Amino acid sequence: QVDRGALMSRYSRTDKSMRRIFLDEF
């Protein structure tokens, strides 16, 4: 759950796609 929440929040602070954020940062 913490990753889901963090992904959603991080999503609003970058122009990357969510799945790209996950691959690059999580």
mmCIF file of all heavy atoms, coordinates in Angstrom:
data_MODEL
# 
_entry.id   MODEL 
# 
loop_
_atom_site.group_PDB 
_atom_site.id 
_atom_site.type_symbol 
_atom_site.label_atom_id 
_atom_site.label_alt_id 
_atom_site.label_comp_id 
_atom_site.label_asym_id 
_atom_site.label_entity_id 
_atom_site.label_seq_id 
_atom_site.pdbx_PDB_ins_code 
_atom_site.Cartn_x 
_atom_site.Cartn_y 
_atom_site.Cartn_z 
_atom_site.occupancy 
_atom_site.B_iso_or_equiv 
_atom_site.pdbx_formal_charge 
_atom_site.auth_seq_id 
_atom_site.auth_comp_id 
_atom_site.auth_asym_id 
_atom_site.auth_atom_id 
_atom_site.pdbx_PDB_model_num 
ATOM 1   N N   . GLN A 1 1  ? 0.812  -1.203 0.000   1.00 0.00 ? 1  GLN A N   1 
ATOM 2   C CA  . GLN A 1 1  ? 0.000  0.000  0.000   1.00 0.00 ? 1  GLN A CA  1 
ATOM 3   C C   . GLN A 1 1  ? 0.852  1.262  0.000   1.00 0.00 ? 1  GLN A C   1 
ATOM 4   O O   . GLN A 1 1  ? 0.515  2.252  -0.651  1.00 0.00 ? 1  GLN A O   1 
ATOM 5   C CB  . GLN A 1 1  ? -0.917 0.004  1.230   1.00 0.00 ? 1  GLN A CB  1 
ATOM 6   C CG  . GLN A 1 1  ? -2.171 -0.807 1.071   1.00 0.00 ? 1  GLN A CG  1 
ATOM 7   C CD  . GLN A 1 1  ? -3.197 -0.097 0.202   1.00 0.00 ? 1  GLN A CD  1 
ATOM 8   O OE1 . GLN A 1 1  ? -3.092 1.076  -0.078  1.00 0.00 ? 1  GLN A OE1 1 
ATOM 9   N NE2 . GLN A 1 1  ? -4.181 -0.850 -0.251  1.00 0.00 ? 1  GLN A NE2 1 
ATOM 10  N N   . VAL A 1 2  ? 1.955  1.225  0.713   1.00 0.00 ? 2  VAL A N   1 
ATOM 11  C CA  . VAL A 1 2  ? 2.786  2.428  0.809   1.00 0.00 ? 2  VAL A CA  1 
ATOM 12  C C   . VAL A 1 2  ? 3.374  2.785  -0.544  1.00 0.00 ? 2  VAL A C   1 
ATOM 13  O O   . VAL A 1 2  ? 3.522  3.960  -0.891  1.00 0.00 ? 2  VAL A O   1 
ATOM 14  C CB  . VAL A 1 2  ? 3.894  2.251  1.881   1.00 0.00 ? 2  VAL A CB  1 
ATOM 15  C CG1 . VAL A 1 2  ? 4.932  1.224  1.439   1.00 0.00 ? 2  VAL A CG1 1 
ATOM 16  C CG2 . VAL A 1 2  ? 4.551  3.589  2.204   1.00 0.00 ? 2  VAL A CG2 1 
ATOM 17  N N   . ASP A 1 3  ? 3.688  1.780  -1.361  1.00 0.00 ? 3  ASP A N   1 
ATOM 18  C CA  . ASP A 1 3  ? 4.199  2.055  -2.699  1.00 0.00 ? 3  ASP A CA  1 
ATOM 19  C C   . ASP A 1 3  ? 3.108  2.629  -3.600  1.00 0.00 ? 3  ASP A C   1 
ATOM 20  O O   . ASP A 1 3  ? 3.368  3.519  -4.418  1.00 0.00 ? 3  ASP A O   1 
ATOM 21  C CB  . ASP A 1 3  ? 4.766  0.772  -3.326  1.00 0.00 ? 3  ASP A CB  1 
ATOM 22  C CG  . ASP A 1 3  ? 6.090  0.357  -2.694  1.00 0.00 ? 3  ASP A CG  1 
ATOM 23  O OD1 . ASP A 1 3  ? 6.745  1.225  -2.088  1.00 0.00 ? 3  ASP A OD1 1 
ATOM 24  O OD2 . ASP A 1 3  ? 6.447  -0.824 -2.797  1.00 0.00 ? 3  ASP A OD2 1 
ATOM 25  N N   . ARG A 1 4  ? 1.893  2.109  -3.452  1.00 0.00 ? 4  ARG A N   1 
ATOM 26  C CA  . ARG A 1 4  ? 0.782  2.643  -4.253  1.00 0.00 ? 4  ARG A CA  1 
ATOM 27  C C   . ARG A 1 4  ? 0.561  4.120  -3.936  1.00 0.00 ? 4  ARG A C   1 
ATOM 28  O O   . ARG A 1 4  ? 0.394  4.951  -4.826  1.00 0.00 ? 4  ARG A O   1 
ATOM 29  C CB  . ARG A 1 4  ? -0.502 1.860  -3.984  1.00 0.00 ? 4  ARG A CB  1 
ATOM 30  C CG  . ARG A 1 4  ? -0.450 0.405  -4.396  1.00 0.00 ? 4  ARG A CG  1 
ATOM 31  C CD  . ARG A 1 4  ? -1.817 -0.243 -4.218  1.00 0.00 ? 4  ARG A CD  1 
ATOM 32  N NE  . ARG A 1 4  ? -1.751 -1.691 -4.358  1.00 0.00 ? 4  ARG A NE  1 
ATOM 33  C CZ  . ARG A 1 4  ? -2.799 -2.479 -4.393  1.00 0.00 ? 4  ARG A CZ  1 
ATOM 34  N NH1 . ARG A 1 4  ? -4.013 -1.968 -4.288  1.00 0.00 ? 4  ARG A NH1 1 
ATOM 35  N NH2 . ARG A 1 4  ? -2.669 -3.787 -4.521  1.00 0.00 ? 4  ARG A NH2 1 
ATOM 36  N N   . GLY A 1 5  ? 0.537  4.426  -2.637  1.00 0.00 ? 5  GLY A N   1 
ATOM 37  C CA  . GLY A 1 5  ? 0.331  5.808  -2.233  1.00 0.00 ? 5  GLY A CA  1 
ATOM 38  C C   . GLY A 1 5  ? 1.455  6.720  -2.678  1.00 0.00 ? 5  GLY A C   1 
ATOM 39  O O   . GLY A 1 5  ? 1.226  7.823  -3.172  1.00 0.00 ? 5  GLY A O   1 
ATOM 40  N N   . ALA A 1 6  ? 2.684  6.251  -2.508  1.00 0.00 ? 6  ALA A N   1 
ATOM 41  C CA  . ALA A 1 6  ? 3.834  7.068  -2.899  1.00 0.00 ? 6  ALA A CA  1 
ATOM 42  C C   . ALA A 1 6  ? 3.867  7.286  -4.410  1.00 0.00 ? 6  ALA A C   1 
ATOM 43  O O   . ALA A 1 6  ? 4.211  8.369  -4.887  1.00 0.00 ? 6  ALA A O   1 
ATOM 44  C CB  . ALA A 1 6  ? 5.123  6.393  -2.434  1.00 0.00 ? 6  ALA A CB  1 
ATOM 45  N N   . LEU A 1 7  ? 3.525  6.252  -5.169  1.00 0.00 ? 7  LEU A N   1 
ATOM 46  C CA  . LEU A 1 7  ? 3.460  6.389  -6.624  1.00 0.00 ? 7  LEU A CA  1 
ATOM 47  C C   . LEU A 1 7  ? 2.450  7.451  -7.035  1.00 0.00 ? 7  LEU A C   1 
ATOM 48  O O   . LEU A 1 7  ? 2.718  8.293  -7.905  1.00 0.00 ? 7  LEU A O   1 
ATOM 49  C CB  . LEU A 1 7  ? 3.082  5.053  -7.259  1.00 0.00 ? 7  LEU A CB  1 
ATOM 50  C CG  . LEU A 1 7  ? 4.218  4.088  -7.595  1.00 0.00 ? 7  LEU A CG  1 
ATOM 51  C CD1 . LEU A 1 7  ? 3.653  2.717  -7.945  1.00 0.00 ? 7  LEU A CD1 1 
ATOM 52  C CD2 . LEU A 1 7  ? 5.046  4.618  -8.762  1.00 0.00 ? 7  LEU A CD2 1 
ATOM 53  N N   . MET A 1 8  ? 1.273  7.406  -6.435  1.00 0.00 ? 8  MET A N   1 
ATOM 54  C CA  . MET A 1 8  ? 0.243  8.371  -6.762  1.00 0.00 ? 8  MET A CA  1 
ATOM 55  C C   . MET A 1 8  ? 0.702  9.790  -6.430  1.00 0.00 ? 8  MET A C   1 
ATOM 56  O O   . MET A 1 8  ? 0.468  10.737 -7.189  1.00 0.00 ? 8  MET A O   1 
ATOM 57  C CB  . MET A 1 8  ? -1.045 8.048  -5.993  1.00 0.00 ? 8  MET A CB  1 
ATOM 58  C CG  . MET A 1 8  ? -1.727 6.765  -6.412  1.00 0.00 ? 8  MET A CG  1 
ATOM 59  S SD  . MET A 1 8  ? -2.528 6.876  -8.024  1.00 0.00 ? 8  MET A SD  1 
ATOM 60  C CE  . MET A 1 8  ? -3.979 7.830  -7.596  1.00 0.00 ? 8  MET A CE  1 
ATOM 61  N N   . SER A 1 9  ? 1.376  9.944  -5.289  1.00 0.00 ? 9  SER A N   1 
ATOM 62  C CA  . SER A 1 9  ? 1.834  11.259 -4.892  1.00 0.00 ? 9  SER A CA  1 
ATOM 63  C C   . SER A 1 9  ? 2.981  11.741 -5.778  1.00 0.00 ? 9  SER A C   1 
ATOM 64  O O   . SER A 1 9  ? 3.006  12.886 -6.224  1.00 0.00 ? 9  SER A O   1 
ATOM 65  C CB  . SER A 1 9  ? 2.280  11.214 -3.424  1.00 0.00 ? 9  SER A CB  1 
ATOM 66  O OG  . SER A 1 9  ? 2.682  12.497 -3.003  1.00 0.00 ? 9  SER A OG  1 
ATOM 67  N N   . ARG A 1 10 ? 3.924  10.858 -6.042  1.00 0.00 ? 10 ARG A N   1 
ATOM 68  C CA  . ARG A 1 10 ? 5.070  11.211 -6.897  1.00 0.00 ? 10 ARG A CA  1 
ATOM 69  C C   . ARG A 1 10 ? 4.596  11.587 -8.300  1.00 0.00 ? 10 ARG A C   1 
ATOM 70  O O   . ARG A 1 10 ? 5.166  12.474 -8.953  1.00 0.00 ? 10 ARG A O   1 
ATOM 71  C CB  . ARG A 1 10 ? 6.026  10.010 -6.977  1.00 0.00 ? 10 ARG A CB  1 
ATOM 72  C CG  . ARG A 1 10 ? 7.258  10.253 -7.853  1.00 0.00 ? 10 ARG A CG  1 
ATOM 73  C CD  . ARG A 1 10 ? 8.263  11.129 -7.147  1.00 0.00 ? 10 ARG A CD  1 
ATOM 74  N NE  . ARG A 1 10 ? 9.461  11.310 -7.977  1.00 0.00 ? 10 ARG A NE  1 
ATOM 75  C CZ  . ARG A 1 10 ? 9.686  12.402 -8.724  1.00 0.00 ? 10 ARG A CZ  1 
ATOM 76  N NH1 . ARG A 1 10 ? 8.818  13.399 -8.745  1.00 0.00 ? 10 ARG A NH1 1 
ATOM 77  N NH2 . ARG A 1 10 ? 10.794 12.506 -9.441  1.00 0.00 ? 10 ARG A NH2 1 
ATOM 78  N N   . TYR A 1 11 ? 3.553  10.972 -8.736  1.00 0.00 ? 11 TYR A N   1 
ATOM 79  C CA  . TYR A 1 11 ? 2.931  11.182 -10.044 1.00 0.00 ? 11 TYR A CA  1 
ATOM 80  C C   . TYR A 1 11 ? 2.613  12.660 -10.282 1.00 0.00 ? 11 TYR A C   1 
ATOM 81  O O   . TYR A 1 11 ? 2.701  13.167 -11.400 1.00 0.00 ? 11 TYR A O   1 
ATOM 82  C CB  . TYR A 1 11 ? 1.638  10.368 -10.055 1.00 0.00 ? 11 TYR A CB  1 
ATOM 83  C CG  . TYR A 1 11 ? 1.055  9.983  -11.388 1.00 0.00 ? 11 TYR A CG  1 
ATOM 84  C CD1 . TYR A 1 11 ? 1.850  9.747  -12.503 1.00 0.00 ? 11 TYR A CD1 1 
ATOM 85  C CD2 . TYR A 1 11 ? -0.319 9.826  -11.503 1.00 0.00 ? 11 TYR A CD2 1 
ATOM 86  C CE1 . TYR A 1 11 ? 1.278  9.361  -13.703 1.00 0.00 ? 11 TYR A CE1 1 
ATOM 87  C CE2 . TYR A 1 11 ? -0.901 9.431  -12.694 1.00 0.00 ? 11 TYR A CE2 1 
ATOM 88  C CZ  . TYR A 1 11 ? -0.090 9.201  -13.797 1.00 0.00 ? 11 TYR A CZ  1 
ATOM 89  O OH  . TYR A 1 11 ? -0.657 8.813  -14.986 1.00 0.00 ? 11 TYR A OH  1 
ATOM 90  N N   . SER A 1 12 ? 2.226  13.354 -9.189  1.00 0.00 ? 12 SER A N   1 
ATOM 91  C CA  . SER A 1 12 ? 1.803  14.746 -9.318  1.00 0.00 ? 12 SER A CA  1 
ATOM 92  C C   . SER A 1 12 ? 2.975  15.713 -9.351  1.00 0.00 ? 12 SER A C   1 
ATOM 93  O O   . SER A 1 12 ? 2.775  16.913 -9.537  1.00 0.00 ? 12 SER A O   1 
ATOM 94  C CB  . SER A 1 12 ? 0.873  15.116 -8.150  1.00 0.00 ? 12 SER A CB  1 
ATOM 95  O OG  . SER A 1 12 ? 1.591  15.108 -6.926  1.00 0.00 ? 12 SER A OG  1 
ATOM 96  N N   . ARG A 1 13 ? 4.199  15.208 -9.187  1.00 0.00 ? 13 ARG A N   1 
ATOM 97  C CA  . ARG A 1 13 ? 5.368  16.086 -9.095  1.00 0.00 ? 13 ARG A CA  1 
ATOM 98  C C   . ARG A 1 13 ? 6.406  15.800 -10.175 1.00 0.00 ? 13 ARG A C   1 
ATOM 99  O O   . ARG A 1 13 ? 7.570  16.136 -10.023 1.00 0.00 ? 13 ARG A O   1 
ATOM 100 C CB  . ARG A 1 13 ? 6.000  15.958 -7.697  1.00 0.00 ? 13 ARG A CB  1 
ATOM 101 C CG  . ARG A 1 13 ? 5.059  16.421 -6.588  1.00 0.00 ? 13 ARG A CG  1 
ATOM 102 C CD  . ARG A 1 13 ? 5.609  16.128 -5.202  1.00 0.00 ? 13 ARG A CD  1 
ATOM 103 N NE  . ARG A 1 13 ? 4.639  16.517 -4.183  1.00 0.00 ? 13 ARG A NE  1 
ATOM 104 C CZ  . ARG A 1 13 ? 4.642  17.694 -3.571  1.00 0.00 ? 13 ARG A CZ  1 
ATOM 105 N NH1 . ARG A 1 13 ? 5.538  18.597 -3.884  1.00 0.00 ? 13 ARG A NH1 1 
ATOM 106 N NH2 . ARG A 1 13 ? 3.728  17.969 -2.651  1.00 0.00 ? 13 ARG A NH2 1 
ATOM 107 N N   . THR A 1 14 ? 5.965  15.153 -11.253 1.00 0.00 ? 14 THR A N   1 
ATOM 108 C CA  . THR A 1 14 ? 6.872  14.867 -12.366 1.00 0.00 ? 14 THR A CA  1 
ATOM 109 C C   . THR A 1 14 ? 6.061  14.699 -13.638 1.00 0.00 ? 14 THR A C   1 
ATOM 110 O O   . THR A 1 14 ? 4.855  14.434 -13.579 1.00 0.00 ? 14 THR A O   1 
ATOM 111 C CB  . THR A 1 14 ? 7.675  13.581 -12.102 1.00 0.00 ? 14 THR A CB  1 
ATOM 112 O OG1 . THR A 1 14 ? 8.519  13.305 -13.235 1.00 0.00 ? 14 THR A OG1 1 
ATOM 113 C CG2 . THR A 1 14 ? 6.773  12.402 -11.862 1.00 0.00 ? 14 THR A CG2 1 
ATOM 114 N N   . ASP A 1 15 ? 6.713  14.869 -14.779 1.00 0.00 ? 15 ASP A N   1 
ATOM 115 C CA  . ASP A 1 15 ? 6.002  14.646 -16.039 1.00 0.00 ? 15 ASP A CA  1 
ATOM 116 C C   . ASP A 1 15 ? 6.223  13.236 -16.571 1.00 0.00 ? 15 ASP A C   1 
ATOM 117 O O   . ASP A 1 15 ? 5.791  12.890 -17.662 1.00 0.00 ? 15 ASP A O   1 
ATOM 118 C CB  . ASP A 1 15 ? 6.423  15.675 -17.097 1.00 0.00 ? 15 ASP A CB  1 
ATOM 119 C CG  . ASP A 1 15 ? 7.922  15.616 -17.416 1.00 0.00 ? 15 ASP A CG  1 
ATOM 120 O OD1 . ASP A 1 15 ? 8.631  14.793 -16.803 1.00 0.00 ? 15 ASP A OD1 1 
ATOM 121 O OD2 . ASP A 1 15 ? 8.351  16.394 -18.289 1.00 0.00 ? 15 ASP A OD2 1 
ATOM 122 N N   . LYS A 1 16 ? 6.887  12.382 -15.780 1.00 0.00 ? 16 LYS A N   1 
ATOM 123 C CA  . LYS A 1 16 ? 7.054  10.980 -16.169 1.00 0.00 ? 16 LYS A CA  1 
ATOM 124 C C   . LYS A 1 16 ? 5.729  10.237 -16.066 1.00 0.00 ? 16 LYS A C   1 
ATOM 125 O O   . LYS A 1 16 ? 4.851  10.611 -15.285 1.00 0.00 ? 16 LYS A O   1 
ATOM 126 C CB  . LYS A 1 16 ? 8.060  10.278 -15.243 1.00 0.00 ? 16 LYS A CB  1 
ATOM 127 C CG  . LYS A 1 16 ? 9.500  10.726 -15.363 1.00 0.00 ? 16 LYS A CG  1 
ATOM 128 C CD  . LYS A 1 16 ? 10.355 9.894  -14.402 1.00 0.00 ? 16 LYS A CD  1 
ATOM 129 C CE  . LYS A 1 16 ? 11.819 10.294 -14.447 1.00 0.00 ? 16 LYS A CE  1 
ATOM 130 N NZ  . LYS A 1 16 ? 12.633 9.479  -13.503 1.00 0.00 ? 16 LYS A NZ  1 
ATOM 131 N N   . SER A 1 17 ? 5.598  9.161  -16.814 1.00 0.00 ? 17 SER A N   1 
ATOM 132 C CA  . SER A 1 17 ? 4.447  8.283  -16.641 1.00 0.00 ? 17 SER A CA  1 
ATOM 133 C C   . SER A 1 17 ? 4.621  7.494  -15.346 1.00 0.00 ? 17 SER A C   1 
ATOM 134 O O   . SER A 1 17 ? 5.745  7.320  -14.857 1.00 0.00 ? 17 SER A O   1 
ATOM 135 C CB  . SER A 1 17 ? 4.314  7.318  -17.818 1.00 0.00 ? 17 SER A CB  1 
ATOM 136 O OG  . SER A 1 17 ? 5.365  6.369  -17.794 1.00 0.00 ? 17 SER A OG  1 
ATOM 137 N N   . MET A 1 18 ? 3.534  6.995  -14.779 1.00 0.00 ? 18 MET A N   1 
ATOM 138 C CA  . MET A 1 18 ? 3.631  6.291  -13.502 1.00 0.00 ? 18 MET A CA  1 
ATOM 139 C C   . MET A 1 18 ? 4.463  5.033  -13.606 1.00 0.00 ? 18 MET A C   1 
ATOM 140 O O   . MET A 1 18 ? 5.273  4.726  -12.720 1.00 0.00 ? 18 MET A O   1 
ATOM 141 C CB  . MET A 1 18 ? 2.236  5.947  -12.969 1.00 0.00 ? 18 MET A CB  1 
ATOM 142 C CG  . MET A 1 18 ? 2.279  5.256  -11.613 1.00 0.00 ? 18 MET A CG  1 
ATOM 143 S SD  . MET A 1 18 ? 0.665  4.883  -10.926 1.00 0.00 ? 18 MET A SD  1 
ATOM 144 C CE  . MET A 1 18 ? 0.088  6.513  -10.511 1.00 0.00 ? 18 MET A CE  1 
ATOM 145 N N   . ARG A 1 19 ? 4.290  4.295  -14.675 1.00 0.00 ? 19 ARG A N   1 
ATOM 146 C CA  . ARG A 1 19 ? 5.064  3.055  -14.813 1.00 0.00 ? 19 ARG A CA  1 
ATOM 147 C C   . ARG A 1 19 ? 6.546  3.348  -15.000 1.00 0.00 ? 19 ARG A C   1 
ATOM 148 O O   . ARG A 1 19 ? 7.397  2.590  -14.536 1.00 0.00 ? 19 ARG A O   1 
ATOM 149 C CB  . ARG A 1 19 ? 4.487  2.221  -15.963 1.00 0.00 ? 19 ARG A CB  1 
ATOM 150 C CG  . ARG A 1 19 ? 3.120  1.619  -15.623 1.00 0.00 ? 19 ARG A CG  1 
ATOM 151 C CD  . ARG A 1 19 ? 2.389  1.037  -16.796 1.00 0.00 ? 19 ARG A CD  1 
ATOM 152 N NE  . ARG A 1 19 ? 2.050  2.038  -17.807 1.00 0.00 ? 19 ARG A NE  1 
ATOM 153 C CZ  . ARG A 1 19 ? 1.083  1.902  -18.702 1.00 0.00 ? 19 ARG A CZ  1 
ATOM 154 N NH1 . ARG A 1 19 ? 0.341  0.804  -18.727 1.00 0.00 ? 19 ARG A NH1 1 
ATOM 155 N NH2 . ARG A 1 19 ? 0.849  2.850  -19.586 1.00 0.00 ? 19 ARG A NH2 1 
ATOM 156 N N   . ARG A 1 20 ? 6.874  4.475  -15.639 1.00 0.00 ? 20 ARG A N   1 
ATOM 157 C CA  . ARG A 1 20 ? 8.278  4.880  -15.766 1.00 0.00 ? 20 ARG A CA  1 
ATOM 158 C C   . ARG A 1 20 ? 8.836  5.263  -14.406 1.00 0.00 ? 20 ARG A C   1 
ATOM 159 O O   . ARG A 1 20 ? 9.971  4.919  -14.063 1.00 0.00 ? 20 ARG A O   1 
ATOM 160 C CB  . ARG A 1 20 ? 8.388  6.042  -16.756 1.00 0.00 ? 20 ARG A CB  1 
ATOM 161 C CG  . ARG A 1 20 ? 9.805  6.636  -16.861 1.00 0.00 ? 20 ARG A CG  1 
ATOM 162 C CD  . ARG A 1 20 ? 10.846 5.595  -17.232 1.00 0.00 ? 20 ARG A CD  1 
ATOM 163 N NE  . ARG A 1 20 ? 10.558 5.016  -18.556 1.00 0.00 ? 20 ARG A NE  1 
ATOM 164 C CZ  . ARG A 1 20 ? 11.190 3.939  -19.029 1.00 0.00 ? 20 ARG A CZ  1 
ATOM 165 N NH1 . ARG A 1 20 ? 12.090 3.309  -18.271 1.00 0.00 ? 20 ARG A NH1 1 
ATOM 166 N NH2 . ARG A 1 20 ? 10.897 3.469  -20.218 1.00 0.00 ? 20 ARG A NH2 1 
ATOM 167 N N   . ILE A 1 21 ? 8.027  5.975  -13.603 1.00 0.00 ? 21 ILE A N   1 
ATOM 168 C CA  . ILE A 1 21 ? 8.461  6.316  -12.239 1.00 0.00 ? 21 ILE A CA  1 
ATOM 169 C C   . ILE A 1 21 ? 8.792  5.043  -11.472 1.00 0.00 ? 21 ILE A C   1 
ATOM 170 O O   . ILE A 1 21 ? 9.816  4.960  -10.775 1.00 0.00 ? 21 ILE A O   1 
ATOM 171 C CB  . ILE A 1 21 ? 7.354  7.095  -11.501 1.00 0.00 ? 21 ILE A CB  1 
ATOM 172 C CG1 . ILE A 1 21 ? 7.098  8.445  -12.148 1.00 0.00 ? 21 ILE A CG1 1 
ATOM 173 C CG2 . ILE A 1 21 ? 7.721  7.284  -10.023 1.00 0.00 ? 21 ILE A CG2 1 
ATOM 174 C CD1 . ILE A 1 21 ? 5.850  9.147  -11.614 1.00 0.00 ? 21 ILE A CD1 1 
ATOM 175 N N   . PHE A 1 22 ? 7.927  4.042  -11.601 1.00 0.00 ? 22 PHE A N   1 
ATOM 176 C CA  . PHE A 1 22 ? 8.134  2.793  -10.874 1.00 0.00 ? 22 PHE A CA  1 
ATOM 177 C C   . PHE A 1 22 ? 9.441  2.124  -11.289 1.00 0.00 ? 22 PHE A C   1 
ATOM 178 O O   . PHE A 1 22 ? 10.232 1.692  -10.433 1.00 0.00 ? 22 PHE A O   1 
ATOM 179 C CB  . PHE A 1 22 ? 6.959  1.847  -11.110 1.00 0.00 ? 22 PHE A CB  1 
ATOM 180 C CG  . PHE A 1 22 ? 7.050  0.572  -10.320 1.00 0.00 ? 22 PHE A CG  1 
ATOM 181 C CD1 . PHE A 1 22 ? 6.673  0.538  -8.986  1.00 0.00 ? 22 PHE A CD1 1 
ATOM 182 C CD2 . PHE A 1 22 ? 7.554  -0.588 -10.895 1.00 0.00 ? 22 PHE A CD2 1 
ATOM 183 C CE1 . PHE A 1 22 ? 6.774  -0.625 -8.240  1.00 0.00 ? 22 PHE A CE1 1 
ATOM 184 C CE2 . PHE A 1 22 ? 7.662  -1.759 -10.158 1.00 0.00 ? 22 PHE A CE2 1 
ATOM 185 C CZ  . PHE A 1 22 ? 7.271  -1.774 -8.824  1.00 0.00 ? 22 PHE A CZ  1 
ATOM 186 N N   . LEU A 1 23 ? 9.706  2.052  -12.576 1.00 0.00 ? 23 LEU A N   1 
ATOM 187 C CA  . LEU A 1 23 ? 10.936 1.415  -13.059 1.00 0.00 ? 23 LEU A CA  1 
ATOM 188 C C   . LEU A 1 23 ? 12.171 2.200  -12.631 1.00 0.00 ? 23 LEU A C   1 
ATOM 189 O O   . LEU A 1 23 ? 13.169 1.619  -12.196 1.00 0.00 ? 23 LEU A O   1 
ATOM 190 C CB  . LEU A 1 23 ? 10.900 1.302  -14.585 1.00 0.00 ? 23 LEU A CB  1 
ATOM 191 C CG  . LEU A 1 23 ? 9.905  0.301  -15.173 1.00 0.00 ? 23 LEU A CG  1 
ATOM 192 C CD1 . LEU A 1 23 ? 9.848  0.452  -16.689 1.00 0.00 ? 23 LEU A CD1 1 
ATOM 193 C CD2 . LEU A 1 23 ? 10.278 -1.128 -14.801 1.00 0.00 ? 23 LEU A CD2 1 
ATOM 194 N N   . ASP A 1 24 ? 12.093 3.516  -12.720 1.00 0.00 ? 24 ASP A N   1 
ATOM 195 C CA  . ASP A 1 24 ? 13.272 4.349  -12.442 1.00 0.00 ? 24 ASP A CA  1 
ATOM 196 C C   . ASP A 1 24 ? 13.550 4.528  -10.961 1.00 0.00 ? 24 ASP A C   1 
ATOM 197 O O   . ASP A 1 24 ? 14.720 4.594  -10.544 1.00 0.00 ? 24 ASP A O   1 
ATOM 198 C CB  . ASP A 1 24 ? 13.096 5.736  -13.075 1.00 0.00 ? 24 ASP A CB  1 
ATOM 199 C CG  . ASP A 1 24 ? 13.111 5.699  -14.592 1.00 0.00 ? 24 ASP A CG  1 
ATOM 200 O OD1 . ASP A 1 24 ? 13.432 4.629  -15.161 1.00 0.00 ? 24 ASP A OD1 1 
ATOM 201 O OD2 . ASP A 1 24 ? 12.777 6.729  -15.209 1.00 0.00 ? 24 ASP A OD2 1 
ATOM 202 N N   . GLU A 1 25 ? 12.498 4.595  -10.139 1.00 0.00 ? 25 GLU A N   1 
ATOM 203 C CA  . GLU A 1 25 ? 12.695 5.035  -8.764  1.00 0.00 ? 25 GLU A CA  1 
ATOM 204 C C   . GLU A 1 25 ? 12.280 4.032  -7.691  1.00 0.00 ? 25 GLU A C   1 
ATOM 205 O O   . GLU A 1 25 ? 12.730 4.134  -6.553  1.00 0.00 ? 25 GLU A O   1 
ATOM 206 C CB  . GLU A 1 25 ? 11.935 6.352  -8.537  1.00 0.00 ? 25 GLU A CB  1 
ATOM 207 C CG  . GLU A 1 25 ? 12.341 7.451  -9.507  1.00 0.00 ? 25 GLU A CG  1 
ATOM 208 C CD  . GLU A 1 25 ? 11.525 8.722  -9.313  1.00 0.00 ? 25 GLU A CD  1 
ATOM 209 O OE1 . GLU A 1 25 ? 10.954 8.888  -8.205  1.00 0.00 ? 25 GLU A OE1 1 
ATOM 210 O OE2 . GLU A 1 25 ? 11.468 9.543  -10.238 1.00 0.00 ? 25 GLU A OE2 1 
ATOM 211 N N   . PHE A 1 26 ? 11.402 3.086  -8.011  1.00 0.00 ? 26 PHE A N   1 
ATOM 212 C CA  . PHE A 1 26 ? 10.848 2.203  -6.990  1.00 0.00 ? 26 PHE A CA  1 
ATOM 213 C C   . PHE A 1 26 ? 11.346 0.764  -7.084  1.00 0.00 ? 26 PHE A C   1 
ATOM 214 O O   . PHE A 1 26 ? 11.532 0.111  -6.058  1.00 0.00 ? 26 PHE A O   1 
ATOM 215 C CB  . PHE A 1 26 ? 9.317  2.203  -7.058  1.00 0.00 ? 26 PHE A CB  1 
ATOM 216 C CG  . PHE A 1 26 ? 8.686  3.424  -6.480  1.00 0.00 ? 26 PHE A CG  1 
ATOM 217 C CD1 . PHE A 1 26 ? 8.698  4.624  -7.186  1.00 0.00 ? 26 PHE A CD1 1 
ATOM 218 C CD2 . PHE A 1 26 ? 8.073  3.403  -5.242  1.00 0.00 ? 26 PHE A CD2 1 
ATOM 219 C CE1 . PHE A 1 26 ? 8.117  5.758  -6.664  1.00 0.00 ? 26 PHE A CE1 1 
ATOM 220 C CE2 . PHE A 1 26 ? 7.496  4.534  -4.706  1.00 0.00 ? 26 PHE A CE2 1 
ATOM 221 C CZ  . PHE A 1 26 ? 7.515  5.723  -5.420  1.00 0.00 ? 26 PHE A CZ  1 
# 
